[in-house]
Amino acid sequence: MRKLLTIIALLLVAKAIHAQNWYQAGIRVSTQFPLVRAYSDVDYLSTLKTPHIGGYFRAGKYVYGEVGLGYQYFKSRFDVSLSDPEPVSDMVETRYLVIPVKAVGNVQITKKIAFQPYVGILYQPLLKVTDNILGYSKQNIENHWTLLTTGFDFRFGFLTLGVDYRYSFQYYFRDKTGRKPQFISISAGVIF
């Protein structure tokens, strides 16, 4: 009974917050698809799984300022071409804290549907790198990623669906140059 009353209270608070339309809070899950795979002359990203979960708070009316906090997990298989004919391959898991800061537009299409384009910065400090045979660690992987993000959400009542593009200002490795990471991300969430 207590759980039911708590759920009803949360839904009523969410409805009251949403009715004012000058601030919003939400929870989002997403995944990313890499657009760049050659992170250096010898390091190639062959597979990538990137679940992400986070929450955010927005304030504004037609343009919202947004801040948030999330957790991102990268499970990547890298192939490294050395002087040997066969590349060395291993799974590398990295974990990041994700802090988004965005400007989000709000274009009401109907009372329940809105188009929400945004642009912003994602700051991602590296939390952990798992042991691997490639020698990747916090000493040679960039510890502080800053990414440009631009995209849009469609809000359908309390649900959101979105797509964005992410471009890293840093190289993946601190001690090697190559192409900077870029991703397309798709997301789904709940907005209160």
Protein backbone atom coordinates (compact mmCIF):
# COMPACT_ATOMS: atom_id res chain seq x y z
CA MET A 1 0.00 0.00 0.00
CA ARG A 2 2.85 2.35 0.85
CA LYS A 3 4.49 1.72 -2.55
CA LEU A 4 1.21 2.42 -4.33
CA LEU A 5 0.78 5.73 -2.47
CA THR A 6 4.38 6.68 -3.26
CA ILE A 7 3.86 5.95 -6.98
CA ILE A 8 0.61 7.95 -7.03
CA ALA A 9 2.32 10.87 -5.26
CA LEU A 10 5.22 10.82 -7.75
CA LEU A 11 2.82 10.80 -10.70
CA LEU A 12 0.86 13.74 -9.25
CA VAL A 13 4.06 15.72 -8.64
CA ALA A 14 5.28 14.94 -12.17
CA LYS A 15 1.95 16.08 -13.64
CA ALA A 16 2.05 19.31 -11.61
CA ILE A 17 5.64 20.02 -12.66
CA HIS A 18 4.87 19.27 -16.31
CA ALA A 19 1.76 21.50 -16.30
CA GLN A 20 3.84 24.60 -15.42
CA ASN A 21 5.96 24.10 -18.59
CA TRP A 22 8.86 26.30 -17.44
CA TYR A 23 11.00 23.49 -16.10
CA GLN A 24 11.36 19.80 -16.83
CA ALA A 25 13.25 16.85 -15.39
CA GLY A 26 13.85 13.56 -17.10
CA ILE A 27 15.60 10.24 -17.31
CA ARG A 28 17.18 9.02 -20.54
CA VAL A 29 18.81 5.83 -21.81
CA SER A 30 20.84 5.80 -25.01
CA THR A 31 23.40 3.98 -27.10
CA GLN A 32 26.01 5.21 -29.56
CA PHE A 33 27.23 4.08 -32.97
CA PRO A 34 30.80 5.03 -33.98
CA LEU A 35 31.41 7.07 -37.11
CA VAL A 36 35.20 6.84 -36.71
CA ARG A 37 36.94 3.54 -36.06
CA ALA A 38 40.66 4.23 -36.72
CA TYR A 39 41.75 5.96 -33.50
CA SER A 40 45.44 5.95 -34.54
CA ASP A 41 47.65 4.47 -37.27
CA VAL A 42 47.64 1.11 -35.48
CA ASP A 43 44.50 1.12 -33.24
CA TYR A 44 41.21 0.14 -34.88
CA LEU A 45 37.83 -0.05 -33.09
CA SER A 46 36.14 -3.19 -34.45
CA THR A 47 33.05 -3.43 -32.17
CA LEU A 48 31.43 -1.10 -29.67
CA LYS A 49 28.59 -1.39 -27.14
CA THR A 50 27.74 1.80 -25.23
CA PRO A 51 24.79 1.76 -22.85
CA HIS A 52 24.23 5.11 -21.16
CA ILE A 53 21.76 6.17 -18.46
CA GLY A 54 21.33 9.63 -17.06
CA GLY A 55 19.03 12.25 -15.65
CA TYR A 56 18.68 15.95 -16.39
CA PHE A 57 16.97 19.14 -15.29
CA ARG A 58 15.82 21.93 -17.63
CA ALA A 59 14.55 25.43 -16.93
CA GLY A 60 13.07 27.90 -19.43
CA LYS A 61 10.04 28.35 -21.64
CA TYR A 62 10.91 28.43 -25.37
CA VAL A 63 14.61 27.72 -24.82
CA TYR A 64 15.67 25.62 -21.84
CA GLY A 65 19.06 25.52 -20.14
CA GLU A 66 19.82 21.89 -19.30
CA VAL A 67 22.28 20.25 -16.91
CA GLY A 68 22.48 16.58 -16.09
CA LEU A 69 24.42 13.65 -14.76
CA GLY A 70 24.87 10.20 -16.27
CA TYR A 71 26.95 7.05 -16.48
CA GLN A 72 28.34 5.63 -19.73
CA TYR A 73 29.85 2.20 -20.26
CA PHE A 74 31.96 1.47 -23.36
CA LYS A 75 32.65 -2.17 -24.22
CA SER A 76 35.01 -2.00 -27.19
CA ARG A 77 36.99 -4.56 -29.16
CA PHE A 78 40.20 -3.07 -30.53
CA ASP A 79 42.50 -4.55 -33.16
CA VAL A 80 46.08 -3.31 -32.94
CA SER A 81 48.38 -3.73 -35.96
CA LEU A 82 51.95 -4.19 -34.84
CA SER A 83 54.95 -5.36 -36.85
CA ASP A 84 53.58 -8.93 -36.70
CA PRO A 85 51.41 -10.05 -39.63
CA GLU A 86 48.45 -10.78 -37.35
CA PRO A 87 46.81 -7.91 -35.39
CA VAL A 88 46.47 -8.24 -31.62
CA SER A 89 42.85 -7.98 -30.45
CA ASP A 90 41.24 -7.55 -27.04
CA MET A 91 38.08 -6.30 -25.35
CA VAL A 92 38.54 -3.00 -23.47
CA GLU A 93 35.89 -1.73 -21.07
CA THR A 94 35.87 1.93 -20.06
CA ARG A 95 33.44 3.74 -17.79
CA TYR A 96 32.69 7.46 -17.79
CA LEU A 97 30.73 9.97 -15.78
CA VAL A 98 28.72 12.12 -18.22
CA ILE A 99 27.86 15.75 -17.43
CA PRO A 100 25.78 17.41 -20.19
CA VAL A 101 25.25 21.18 -20.45
CA LYS A 102 22.86 22.11 -23.27
CA ALA A 103 20.56 24.75 -24.71
CA VAL A 104 17.29 23.05 -25.70
CA GLY A 105 14.59 24.60 -27.88
CA ASN A 106 10.92 23.78 -27.35
CA VAL A 107 8.61 23.93 -30.37
CA GLN A 108 5.08 22.81 -29.42
CA ILE A 109 3.43 20.96 -32.30
CA THR A 110 0.32 20.00 -30.35
CA LYS A 111 -0.49 20.14 -26.66
CA LYS A 112 1.19 16.75 -26.09
CA ILE A 113 3.84 16.72 -28.87
CA ALA A 114 6.94 18.92 -29.06
CA PHE A 115 10.07 19.12 -31.18
CA GLN A 116 13.13 19.89 -29.01
CA PRO A 117 16.36 20.67 -30.91
CA TYR A 118 19.50 21.13 -28.81
CA VAL A 119 23.18 21.95 -28.86
CA GLY A 120 25.66 21.60 -26.02
CA ILE A 121 28.75 20.11 -24.47
CA LEU A 122 29.25 16.72 -22.82
CA TYR A 123 32.05 16.51 -20.28
CA GLN A 124 33.08 12.88 -19.68
CA PRO A 125 35.74 12.15 -17.06
CA LEU A 126 37.15 8.62 -17.29
CA LEU A 127 36.36 6.53 -14.22
CA LYS A 128 37.83 3.11 -15.04
CA VAL A 129 39.66 1.08 -17.68
CA THR A 130 39.68 -2.72 -17.35
CA ASP A 131 42.87 -4.75 -17.65
CA ASN A 132 43.69 -5.72 -21.23
CA ILE A 133 46.59 -7.16 -23.25
CA LEU A 134 46.81 -4.02 -25.43
CA GLY A 135 48.22 -1.87 -22.63
CA TYR A 136 45.31 0.60 -22.67
CA SER A 137 44.96 2.33 -19.31
CA LYS A 138 44.16 5.65 -17.63
CA GLN A 139 47.75 6.64 -18.42
CA ASN A 140 47.29 6.56 -22.22
CA ILE A 141 43.52 6.94 -22.80
CA GLU A 142 42.23 10.52 -22.59
CA ASN A 143 40.96 11.08 -19.04
CA HIS A 144 38.74 14.10 -19.75
CA TRP A 145 36.66 13.94 -22.91
CA THR A 146 34.76 17.00 -24.00
CA LEU A 147 32.30 16.40 -26.81
CA LEU A 148 30.12 18.72 -28.87
CA THR A 149 26.57 17.38 -29.11
CA THR A 150 23.78 18.52 -31.37
CA GLY A 151 20.50 16.79 -32.06
CA PHE A 152 16.80 16.72 -31.31
CA ASP A 153 14.17 15.00 -29.23
CA PHE A 154 10.52 14.46 -30.01
CA ARG A 155 8.37 14.60 -26.89
CA PHE A 156 5.12 12.60 -26.93
CA GLY A 157 3.46 13.41 -23.60
CA PHE A 158 5.85 11.95 -21.01
CA LEU A 159 7.96 9.98 -23.52
CA THR A 160 10.92 11.28 -25.53
CA LEU A 161 12.76 9.81 -28.50
CA GLY A 162 15.91 11.42 -29.83
CA VAL A 163 18.94 11.36 -32.09
CA ASP A 164 22.18 13.31 -31.76
CA TYR A 165 25.66 13.70 -33.20
CA ARG A 166 28.69 13.77 -30.89
CA TYR A 167 32.17 15.02 -31.80
CA SER A 168 35.13 14.72 -29.42
CA PHE A 169 37.49 17.68 -29.12
CA GLN A 170 40.24 15.29 -27.94
CA TYR A 171 41.86 12.22 -29.47
CA TYR A 172 41.00 8.89 -27.88
CA PHE A 173 44.62 8.36 -26.82
CA ARG A 174 46.70 10.90 -24.94
CA ASP A 175 49.97 9.73 -26.52
CA LYS A 176 48.85 9.11 -30.14
CA THR A 177 47.21 11.20 -32.83
CA GLY A 178 44.64 9.93 -35.29
CA ARG A 179 41.03 10.76 -35.95
CA LYS A 180 38.91 12.19 -33.16
CA PRO A 181 35.98 10.01 -32.03
CA GLN A 182 32.55 10.79 -33.48
CA PHE A 183 29.25 9.08 -32.75
CA ILE A 184 25.57 9.01 -33.62
CA SER A 185 23.44 8.40 -30.53
CA ILE A 186 19.81 7.30 -30.24
CA SER A 187 17.89 7.73 -27.01
CA ALA A 188 14.57 7.14 -25.29
CA GLY A 189 13.40 8.61 -22.04
CA VAL A 190 10.72 9.82 -19.71
CA ILE A 191 10.17 13.51 -18.99
CA PHE A 192 8.34 14.87 -15.96
